[in-house]
Protein backbone atom coordinates (compact mmCIF):
# COMPACT_ATOMS: atom_id res chain seq x y z
CA UNK A 1 -175.92 -101.73 -94.82
CA UNK A 2 -175.17 -103.37 -97.58
CA UNK A 3 -175.42 -101.64 -101.00
CA UNK A 4 -175.77 -102.50 -104.34
CA UNK A 5 -172.76 -100.98 -106.25
CA UNK A 6 -171.33 -101.15 -109.76
CA UNK A 7 -167.81 -103.00 -109.89
CA UNK A 8 -165.63 -103.04 -112.19
CA UNK A 9 -164.38 -106.76 -113.47
CA UNK A 10 -160.46 -107.42 -113.34
CA UNK A 11 -160.57 -111.24 -114.83
CA UNK A 12 -163.30 -114.19 -114.70
CA UNK A 13 -162.81 -117.54 -114.18
CA UNK A 14 -165.50 -120.00 -114.10
CA UNK A 15 -168.64 -119.21 -111.97
CA UNK A 16 -165.99 -116.31 -110.25
CA UNK A 17 -165.09 -112.92 -111.25
CA UNK A 18 -162.31 -110.89 -109.68
CA UNK A 19 -163.71 -106.86 -109.22
CA UNK A 20 -162.14 -103.86 -107.97
CA UNK A 21 -163.95 -103.32 -104.50
CA UNK A 22 -162.91 -99.93 -103.08
CA UNK A 23 -159.72 -99.87 -104.63
CA UNK A 24 -158.98 -103.79 -103.71
CA UNK A 25 -159.30 -106.84 -105.85
CA UNK A 26 -161.85 -109.64 -104.18
CA UNK A 27 -163.73 -112.44 -105.66
CA UNK A 28 -167.25 -112.64 -106.18
CA UNK A 29 -169.87 -115.29 -107.53
CA UNK A 30 -171.16 -114.90 -110.71
CA UNK A 31 -174.07 -116.76 -111.69
CA UNK A 32 -176.32 -116.45 -115.02
CA UNK A 33 -174.29 -113.93 -116.45
CA UNK A 34 -172.87 -115.31 -120.04
CA UNK A 35 -170.07 -113.93 -121.69
CA UNK A 36 -168.68 -111.79 -118.98
CA UNK A 37 -165.25 -110.17 -119.82
CA UNK A 38 -162.89 -108.39 -117.92
CA UNK A 39 -163.38 -104.17 -117.93
CA UNK A 40 -167.14 -104.48 -117.65
CA UNK A 41 -169.40 -103.60 -114.54
CA UNK A 42 -171.34 -105.47 -112.64
CA UNK A 43 -173.95 -104.60 -109.80
CA UNK A 44 -172.75 -106.31 -106.87
CA UNK A 45 -174.48 -107.25 -103.23
CA UNK A 46 -173.00 -109.09 -100.78
CA UNK A 47 -170.49 -110.70 -103.13
CA UNK A 48 -172.45 -112.06 -105.48
CA UNK A 49 -172.88 -110.40 -108.78
CA UNK A 50 -176.54 -109.22 -109.93
CA UNK A 51 -176.63 -107.98 -113.40
CA UNK A 52 -174.37 -106.08 -116.37
CA UNK A 53 -174.53 -102.15 -116.10
CA UNK A 54 -172.99 -100.06 -118.75
CA UNK A 55 -169.61 -98.47 -118.44
CA UNK A 56 -170.84 -95.18 -118.97
CA UNK A 57 -173.78 -95.58 -116.67
CA UNK A 58 -171.45 -97.24 -113.64
CA UNK A 59 -168.71 -94.56 -114.14
CA UNK A 60 -171.62 -91.83 -113.21
CA UNK A 61 -172.55 -93.80 -110.31
CA UNK A 62 -169.12 -94.30 -108.75
CA UNK A 63 -168.45 -90.93 -109.60
CA UNK A 64 -171.77 -89.57 -107.46
CA UNK A 65 -170.62 -91.45 -104.57
CA UNK A 66 -167.13 -89.97 -104.55
CA UNK A 67 -168.92 -86.81 -104.87
CA UNK A 68 -170.87 -87.73 -101.97
CA UNK A 69 -167.99 -89.21 -99.80
CA UNK A 70 -165.81 -85.86 -100.49
CA UNK A 71 -169.14 -83.65 -99.43
CA UNK A 72 -169.05 -85.72 -96.26
CA UNK A 73 -165.81 -85.30 -95.34
CA UNK A 74 -165.74 -81.75 -95.88
CA UNK A 75 -168.73 -81.54 -93.86
CA UNK A 76 -167.26 -82.98 -90.92
CA UNK A 77 -163.70 -81.55 -91.24
CA UNK A 78 -161.29 -84.51 -92.54
């Protein structure tokens, strides 16, 4: 299952951006997002940038995902 998740931009080159994906840098395609800079957040789905997301909102969503992951790890005893 694919999810549209906020990812922090590490660098931008042409129509590609390197983003932090589960702690690892990966390259994705960036179309129609002018003036994109390192440090911004993008909503990423299936290796494509969909749109920008405000840093405060993105960090809140990512924190929620971490909380959910921790809950399930505790629930199954890992």
